[in-house]
Amino acid sequence: MAGIVGYGAHLPRHRIKVEEIAKVWGADAPSYKKGLMLREKSVPPPDMDTITLSVEAARRALIRAQTVDPKDIGAIYIGSESHPYAVKPSGTTVAEAIGATPDIHCADFEFACKAGSEAMFVAMSHVDAGHMKYALGIAADTSQGAPSDALEFSAAAGAGAFIMGKENMIAECLFTHSYMTDMPDFWRREHEFYPQHGGRFTGEEAYFATTKGASIALLKKSGMKPEDFKYAVFHQPNGKFPQRVAKELGFTQEQIDPGWLAPRLGNTYSGASPIGLTATLDVSQPGDLIFMCSYGSGAGSDAFVWEVTDRINEVRDLTVRTHKLLDENLTYIDYGTYAKFRHKIKKNY
């Protein structure tokens, strides 16, 4: 099958701590730090959006792909729920920015937080079917959370990009499985700036039922068990949910640790599990098996089994690792700056 021949991530360097948000709204910061395991989140500055995040992540993927010419990329798919334009594609701008040819297929994907994994799946499927030599799947978001809403403590920003091919793979995809139901736990209607969520439905009936549905089906399809994997990556709307679903499925904390980024990064929505995969690839060794399962409200999950190849040792340090982006050169901001960056103060004149 096809697999990943180049990967990269990009994260904003600005951060805001949960205490800074809590003191403005009189919220209980310890409940977010202990109950949901959130300490801080990334914040995109005014000159950063889904397109700019995608460009930087894609450029890093090209660096790790080494010999891949951007003009040989046959498709670019960007999964996001925060595309900058309601009517104008993100992918065309990214294609020109990385030097791709106009003779390319391009589409913007949406499916809440699993839009990124579906972009990866479709890109890989085109390559696997022989329609093109390479395809690029990107997961990127600058997610929104209404002032004082619980989402404001987690809604973050970041991007992961994956060039799919059949030659010189970094990680081969051995199995995939997708699972979905009509569970409306989270939504945003046309012309609404902030999303709404269904409260108690976001947990048991949505995230856990769907993530476990896809994961159990993929384990059955592959004939594998959790202990067969070196690492596992799950969608992370907060720090607690991926911990719990991993445990219920039979995975250990050690397996999810490298890709468990939410406590320090927040929920990057479409980017959450793909960025976690980039961080996991950064520490993987040849022969390691990685289990990955995304989640998107509405509701669906895409699950993958990846097998890391010998090439990982050649490419991982050709560009910056994800954990370095996560931890270094950070700038912490106050709520006023955060509100300005995220356009939370509206002009009504």
Protein backbone atom coordinates (compact mmCIF):
# COMPACT_ATOMS: atom_id res chain seq x y z
CA MET A 1 0.00 0.00 0.00
CA ALA A 2 0.93 3.66 -0.15
CA GLY A 3 2.20 5.58 2.83
CA ILE A 4 3.95 8.68 4.09
CA VAL A 5 7.06 9.83 2.20
CA GLY A 6 7.32 13.24 3.88
CA TYR A 7 5.77 14.82 6.96
CA GLY A 8 5.93 18.12 8.82
CA ALA A 9 4.12 20.27 11.38
CA HIS A 10 3.81 23.92 12.22
CA LEU A 11 2.60 25.51 15.47
CA PRO A 12 2.17 29.11 16.60
CA ARG A 13 4.75 30.20 19.17
CA HIS A 14 2.22 32.27 21.11
CA ARG A 15 0.58 30.64 24.15
CA ILE A 16 -2.00 31.58 26.75
CA LYS A 17 -2.30 29.79 30.11
CA VAL A 18 -5.65 28.54 31.37
CA GLU A 19 -5.29 30.73 34.48
CA GLU A 20 -5.20 33.82 32.28
CA ILE A 21 -8.52 32.88 30.66
CA ALA A 22 -10.08 31.76 33.95
CA LYS A 23 -9.36 34.99 35.83
CA VAL A 24 -11.25 37.02 33.22
CA TRP A 25 -14.43 34.94 33.48
CA GLY A 26 -14.24 33.85 37.11
CA ALA A 27 -13.83 30.24 36.02
CA ASP A 28 -12.20 27.51 38.05
CA ALA A 29 -8.79 27.10 36.43
CA PRO A 30 -7.81 24.04 38.54
CA SER A 31 -10.80 22.13 37.13
CA TYR A 32 -9.46 22.60 33.62
CA LYS A 33 -5.91 21.73 34.67
CA LYS A 34 -6.85 18.66 36.67
CA GLY A 35 -10.18 17.54 35.22
CA LEU A 36 -9.40 18.10 31.53
CA MET A 37 -5.59 18.17 31.85
CA LEU A 38 -5.14 21.50 30.09
CA ARG A 39 -2.33 23.86 31.08
CA GLU A 40 -2.07 26.21 28.10
CA LYS A 41 -2.91 26.43 24.42
CA SER A 42 -1.44 27.82 21.22
CA VAL A 43 -2.76 31.11 19.83
CA PRO A 44 -2.37 32.19 16.19
CA PRO A 45 -1.30 35.83 15.73
CA PRO A 46 -3.22 38.07 13.30
CA ASP A 47 -1.01 37.15 10.34
CA MET A 48 -1.50 33.40 10.74
CA ASP A 49 -4.41 31.34 9.44
CA THR A 50 -5.11 27.86 8.11
CA ILE A 51 -3.37 28.68 4.82
CA THR A 52 -0.12 29.99 6.35
CA LEU A 53 0.00 27.09 8.81
CA SER A 54 -0.53 24.67 5.92
CA VAL A 55 2.25 26.22 3.84
CA GLU A 56 4.82 25.93 6.63
CA ALA A 57 3.86 22.35 7.48
CA ALA A 58 3.91 21.38 3.78
CA ARG A 59 7.37 22.90 3.30
CA ARG A 60 8.69 20.80 6.18
CA ALA A 61 7.08 17.71 4.65
CA LEU A 62 8.87 18.46 1.38
CA ILE A 63 12.18 18.77 3.21
CA ARG A 64 11.73 15.31 4.73
CA ALA A 65 10.52 13.89 1.41
CA GLN A 66 13.95 14.93 0.01
CA THR A 67 13.71 14.00 -3.66
CA VAL A 68 10.02 14.81 -4.22
CA ASP A 69 9.56 17.66 -6.68
CA PRO A 70 6.45 19.75 -5.79
CA LYS A 71 5.54 19.62 -9.47
CA ASP A 72 5.09 15.84 -9.13
CA ILE A 73 2.37 16.26 -6.50
CA GLY A 74 -0.91 15.39 -8.19
CA ALA A 75 -3.34 16.56 -5.51
CA ILE A 76 -3.49 18.83 -2.47
CA TYR A 77 -6.26 18.35 0.07
CA ILE A 78 -6.62 20.55 3.16
CA GLY A 79 -8.90 19.45 5.98
CA SER A 80 -10.03 22.22 8.31
CA GLU A 81 -13.06 23.75 9.99
CA SER A 82 -11.49 27.22 9.87
CA HIS A 83 -10.74 27.83 6.20
CA PRO A 84 -10.14 31.59 5.84
CA TYR A 85 -12.68 31.96 3.04
CA ALA A 86 -16.28 30.79 2.85
CA VAL A 87 -16.03 30.86 -0.95
CA LYS A 88 -12.43 30.47 -2.13
CA PRO A 89 -10.21 27.44 -1.74
CA SER A 90 -7.26 27.25 0.64
CA GLY A 91 -5.48 24.62 -1.43
CA THR A 92 -4.80 26.79 -4.49
CA THR A 93 -2.81 29.27 -2.41
CA VAL A 94 -0.85 26.47 -0.74
CA ALA A 95 -0.16 24.86 -4.13
CA GLU A 96 1.40 28.04 -5.53
CA ALA A 97 3.31 28.75 -2.33
CA ILE A 98 5.10 25.37 -2.41
CA GLY A 99 5.75 25.45 -6.16
CA ALA A 100 3.24 22.87 -7.36
CA THR A 101 2.10 22.84 -10.98
CA PRO A 102 -1.34 24.19 -12.01
CA ASP A 103 -2.04 20.67 -13.37
CA ILE A 104 -3.20 19.47 -9.99
CA HIS A 105 -6.37 18.32 -8.24
CA CYS A 106 -7.31 20.46 -5.25
CA ALA A 107 -10.11 20.35 -2.67
CA ASP A 108 -10.84 21.69 0.80
CA PHE A 109 -12.29 19.15 3.21
CA GLU A 110 -14.65 19.62 6.15
CA PHE A 111 -15.84 17.14 8.77
CA ALA A 112 -15.25 18.94 12.04
CA CYS A 113 -12.05 17.65 13.66
CA LYS A 114 -11.55 14.67 11.34
CA ALA A 115 -11.30 16.80 8.18
CA GLY A 116 -7.51 16.43 8.32
CA SER A 117 -7.47 12.65 8.52
CA GLU A 118 -9.96 12.41 5.65
CA ALA A 119 -7.65 14.64 3.56
CA MET A 120 -4.83 12.22 4.37
CA PHE A 121 -7.01 9.21 3.52
CA VAL A 122 -8.13 10.54 0.13
CA ALA A 123 -4.61 11.69 -0.80
CA MET A 124 -3.23 8.25 0.04
CA SER A 125 -6.08 6.50 -1.79
CA HIS A 126 -5.31 8.33 -5.05
CA VAL A 127 -1.68 7.24 -4.83
CA ASP A 128 -2.64 3.70 -3.89
CA ALA A 129 -4.98 3.50 -6.88
CA GLY A 130 -2.21 4.64 -9.22
CA HIS A 131 -3.87 7.91 -10.29
CA MET A 132 -0.82 9.97 -9.29
CA LYS A 133 2.69 9.51 -7.95
CA TYR A 134 2.34 11.79 -4.92
CA ALA A 135 -0.51 13.55 -3.12
CA LEU A 136 -0.45 15.94 -0.19
CA GLY A 137 -2.90 15.73 2.71
CA ILE A 138 -2.91 18.57 5.23
CA ALA A 139 -4.69 18.95 8.57
CA ALA A 140 -4.84 22.55 9.82
CA ASP A 141 -7.03 24.70 12.03
CA THR A 142 -7.21 27.98 13.91
CA SER A 143 -10.15 26.83 15.98
CA GLN A 144 -12.76 29.01 17.64
CA GLY A 145 -14.19 29.11 21.13
CA ALA A 146 -16.76 31.66 22.32
CA PRO A 147 -15.73 33.96 25.19
CA SER A 148 -16.34 32.27 28.57
CA ASP A 149 -17.34 28.98 26.90
CA ALA A 150 -15.53 25.80 27.93
CA LEU A 151 -14.14 25.58 24.39
CA GLU A 152 -12.20 28.79 24.94
CA PHE A 153 -9.87 26.94 27.29
CA SER A 154 -8.91 24.40 24.62
CA ALA A 155 -9.48 25.81 21.09
CA ALA A 156 -5.98 26.13 19.63
CA ALA A 157 -4.09 26.21 16.32
CA GLY A 158 -1.63 24.06 14.37
CA ALA A 159 -1.04 22.04 11.22
CA GLY A 160 0.33 18.69 10.10
CA ALA A 161 1.17 17.83 6.47
CA PHE A 162 1.80 14.45 4.84
CA ILE A 163 3.07 13.69 1.36
CA MET A 164 1.77 10.29 0.30
CA GLY A 165 3.58 8.02 -2.13
CA LYS A 166 4.69 4.45 -2.79
CA GLU A 167 8.46 4.93 -3.05
CA ASN A 168 10.91 5.82 -0.25
CA MET A 169 8.20 5.63 2.38
CA ILE A 170 8.78 6.78 5.95
CA ALA A 171 5.70 4.92 7.16
CA GLU A 172 3.60 2.46 5.20
CA CYS A 173 -0.14 2.31 5.80
CA LEU A 174 -1.04 -1.33 6.46
CA PHE A 175 -4.75 -0.94 7.27
CA THR A 176 -7.43 1.75 7.52
CA HIS A 177 -11.01 1.88 8.72
CA SER A 178 -13.62 4.65 8.95
CA TYR A 179 -16.70 4.78 11.15
CA MET A 180 -19.50 7.36 11.44
CA THR A 181 -22.94 8.04 12.89
CA ASP A 182 -25.33 11.00 12.83
CA MET A 183 -24.49 12.27 16.32
CA PRO A 184 -24.73 16.09 16.31
CA ASP A 185 -22.59 16.84 19.34
CA PHE A 186 -20.91 19.96 17.94
CA TRP A 187 -21.82 22.32 15.09
CA ARG A 188 -21.57 25.83 13.66
CA ARG A 189 -24.22 27.19 11.33
CA GLU A 190 -23.63 29.54 8.41
CA HIS A 191 -22.83 33.12 9.52
CA GLU A 192 -22.17 32.04 13.12
CA PHE A 193 -18.67 32.92 14.30
CA TYR A 194 -18.49 30.47 17.21
CA PRO A 195 -19.48 26.79 17.32
CA GLN A 196 -21.98 25.29 19.74
CA HIS A 197 -21.79 21.93 21.45
CA GLY A 198 -24.25 19.44 22.82
CA GLY A 199 -22.89 19.33 26.36
CA ARG A 200 -23.15 15.81 27.74
CA PHE A 201 -23.43 14.29 24.25
CA THR A 202 -19.85 15.24 23.38
CA GLY A 203 -18.42 12.49 25.57
CA GLU A 204 -20.01 9.06 25.83
CA GLU A 205 -22.38 9.16 22.87
CA ALA A 206 -20.01 10.97 20.51
CA TYR A 207 -16.25 10.93 21.11
CA PHE A 208 -15.95 7.64 22.99
CA ALA A 209 -18.54 5.67 21.03
CA THR A 210 -17.14 6.78 17.67
CA THR A 211 -13.44 6.52 18.49
CA LYS A 212 -13.91 3.06 19.96
CA GLY A 213 -16.13 2.04 17.06
CA ALA A 214 -13.41 2.81 14.51
CA SER A 215 -10.57 1.48 16.67
CA ILE A 216 -12.17 -1.84 17.55
CA ALA A 217 -13.13 -2.40 13.90
CA LEU A 218 -9.58 -1.67 12.74
CA LEU A 219 -8.03 -3.96 15.33
CA LYS A 220 -10.37 -6.72 14.16
CA LYS A 221 -9.63 -6.03 10.49
CA SER A 222 -5.87 -6.05 11.04
CA GLY A 223 -5.85 -9.02 13.42
CA MET A 224 -3.71 -6.96 15.80
CA LYS A 225 -3.92 -6.22 19.51
CA PRO A 226 -3.02 -3.00 21.38
CA GLU A 227 0.16 -4.61 22.70
CA ASP A 228 1.38 -5.13 19.12
CA PHE A 229 1.86 -1.39 18.74
CA LYS A 230 4.78 0.72 19.91
CA TYR A 231 2.71 3.91 19.87
CA ALA A 232 -0.87 5.11 19.58
CA VAL A 233 -2.35 8.51 18.72
CA PHE A 234 -5.94 9.59 19.35
CA HIS A 235 -7.88 12.78 18.77
CA GLN A 236 -7.39 15.04 21.77
CA PRO A 237 -10.08 17.66 22.45
CA ASN A 238 -8.47 17.86 25.90
CA GLY A 239 -5.85 15.91 27.79
CA LYS A 240 -8.26 13.53 29.51
CA PHE A 241 -10.27 12.04 26.63
CA PRO A 242 -7.35 10.42 24.75
CA GLN A 243 -6.01 9.03 28.01
CA ARG A 244 -9.33 7.44 28.85
CA VAL A 245 -10.11 6.02 25.41
CA ALA A 246 -6.61 4.59 25.13
CA LYS A 247 -7.00 2.83 28.48
CA GLU A 248 -10.45 1.48 27.61
CA LEU A 249 -9.12 0.07 24.34
CA GLY A 250 -6.13 -1.55 26.05
CA PHE A 251 -3.35 0.90 25.17
CA THR A 252 -0.94 2.23 27.79
CA GLN A 253 0.10 5.75 28.76
CA GLU A 254 3.59 5.03 27.43
CA GLN A 255 2.14 4.26 24.01
CA ILE A 256 0.30 7.59 23.74
CA ASP A 257 2.85 9.85 25.45
CA PRO A 258 4.81 11.07 22.37
CA GLY A 259 1.66 12.23 20.56
CA TRP A 260 -0.28 13.36 23.64
CA LEU A 261 0.12 17.11 23.07
CA ALA A 262 -3.17 18.63 24.26
CA PRO A 263 -2.08 19.55 27.82
CA ARG A 264 0.55 21.95 26.40
CA LEU A 265 -0.99 22.73 23.02
CA GLY A 266 -4.76 22.63 23.40
CA ASN A 267 -7.16 21.19 20.85
CA THR A 268 -5.92 21.88 17.32
CA TYR A 269 -9.16 20.39 15.95
CA SER A 270 -8.43 18.92 12.48
CA GLY A 271 -4.73 18.96 13.33
CA ALA A 272 -4.96 17.17 16.67
CA SER A 273 -4.27 13.52 15.79
CA PRO A 274 -2.21 14.31 12.63
CA ILE A 275 0.12 16.62 14.59
CA GLY A 276 0.29 13.92 17.26
CA LEU A 277 1.37 11.53 14.51
CA THR A 278 4.20 13.88 13.45
CA ALA A 279 5.46 14.02 17.04
CA THR A 280 5.27 10.22 17.27
CA LEU A 281 7.14 9.70 13.99
CA ASP A 282 9.85 11.99 15.37
CA VAL A 283 10.71 9.42 18.06
CA SER A 284 9.85 6.20 16.21
CA GLN A 285 12.29 3.56 15.06
CA PRO A 286 12.23 1.27 12.00
CA GLY A 287 9.66 -1.49 12.40
CA ASP A 288 7.54 0.35 14.96
CA LEU A 289 3.79 0.04 14.50
CA ILE A 290 1.71 3.17 15.17
CA PHE A 291 -2.04 3.12 15.75
CA MET A 292 -3.86 6.36 14.92
CA CYS A 293 -7.53 7.31 15.26
CA SER A 294 -9.03 10.72 14.57
CA TYR A 295 -12.43 12.02 15.66
CA GLY A 296 -14.75 14.62 14.17
CA SER A 297 -18.07 15.77 15.55
CA GLY A 298 -21.11 14.92 13.57
CA ALA A 299 -19.67 12.21 14.07
CA GLY A 300 -16.89 10.12 12.58
CA SER A 301 -13.42 8.63 12.98
CA ASP A 302 -10.67 7.54 10.58
CA ALA A 303 -8.26 4.93 11.95
CA PHE A 304 -4.89 3.87 10.51
CA VAL A 305 -2.14 1.34 11.15
CA TRP A 306 1.30 2.70 10.17
CA GLU A 307 4.55 0.73 10.01
CA VAL A 308 7.69 2.86 10.25
CA THR A 309 10.49 2.13 7.77
CA ASP A 310 14.27 2.43 7.90
CA ARG A 311 14.08 5.81 6.20
CA ILE A 312 12.85 7.51 9.37
CA ASN A 313 16.42 7.72 10.67
CA GLU A 314 17.52 9.57 7.52
CA VAL A 315 14.85 12.27 7.55
CA ARG A 316 13.54 13.01 11.03
CA ASP A 317 16.14 15.70 11.77
CA LEU A 318 16.22 17.33 8.34
CA THR A 319 13.84 19.92 9.77
CA VAL A 320 12.55 20.87 13.20
CA ARG A 321 10.83 18.20 15.31
CA THR A 322 7.29 18.79 16.54
CA HIS A 323 8.22 18.73 20.23
CA LYS A 324 10.72 21.53 19.61
CA LEU A 325 7.93 23.59 18.05
CA LEU A 326 5.84 22.73 21.09
CA ASP A 327 8.35 23.76 23.74
CA GLU A 328 10.86 26.31 22.43
CA ASN A 329 10.82 30.05 21.66
CA LEU A 330 7.38 30.51 23.19
CA THR A 331 5.73 33.87 23.88
CA TYR A 332 3.05 33.99 26.58
CA ILE A 333 0.29 36.57 26.17
CA ASP A 334 -2.43 38.06 28.36
CA TYR A 335 -6.15 37.85 27.67
CA GLY A 336 -6.28 41.31 26.10
CA THR A 337 -3.69 40.36 23.50
CA TYR A 338 -5.41 37.03 22.97
CA ALA A 339 -8.76 38.76 22.40
CA LYS A 340 -7.13 41.10 19.87
CA PHE A 341 -5.40 38.25 18.05
CA ARG A 342 -8.60 36.20 17.85
CA HIS A 343 -10.87 39.14 16.95
CA LYS A 344 -13.08 38.61 19.98
CA ILE A 345 -13.91 42.32 20.25
CA LYS A 346 -16.42 43.18 17.54
CA LYS A 347 -16.98 46.65 16.07
CA ASN A 348 -20.65 47.64 15.81
CA TYR A 349 -20.47 51.00 14.12
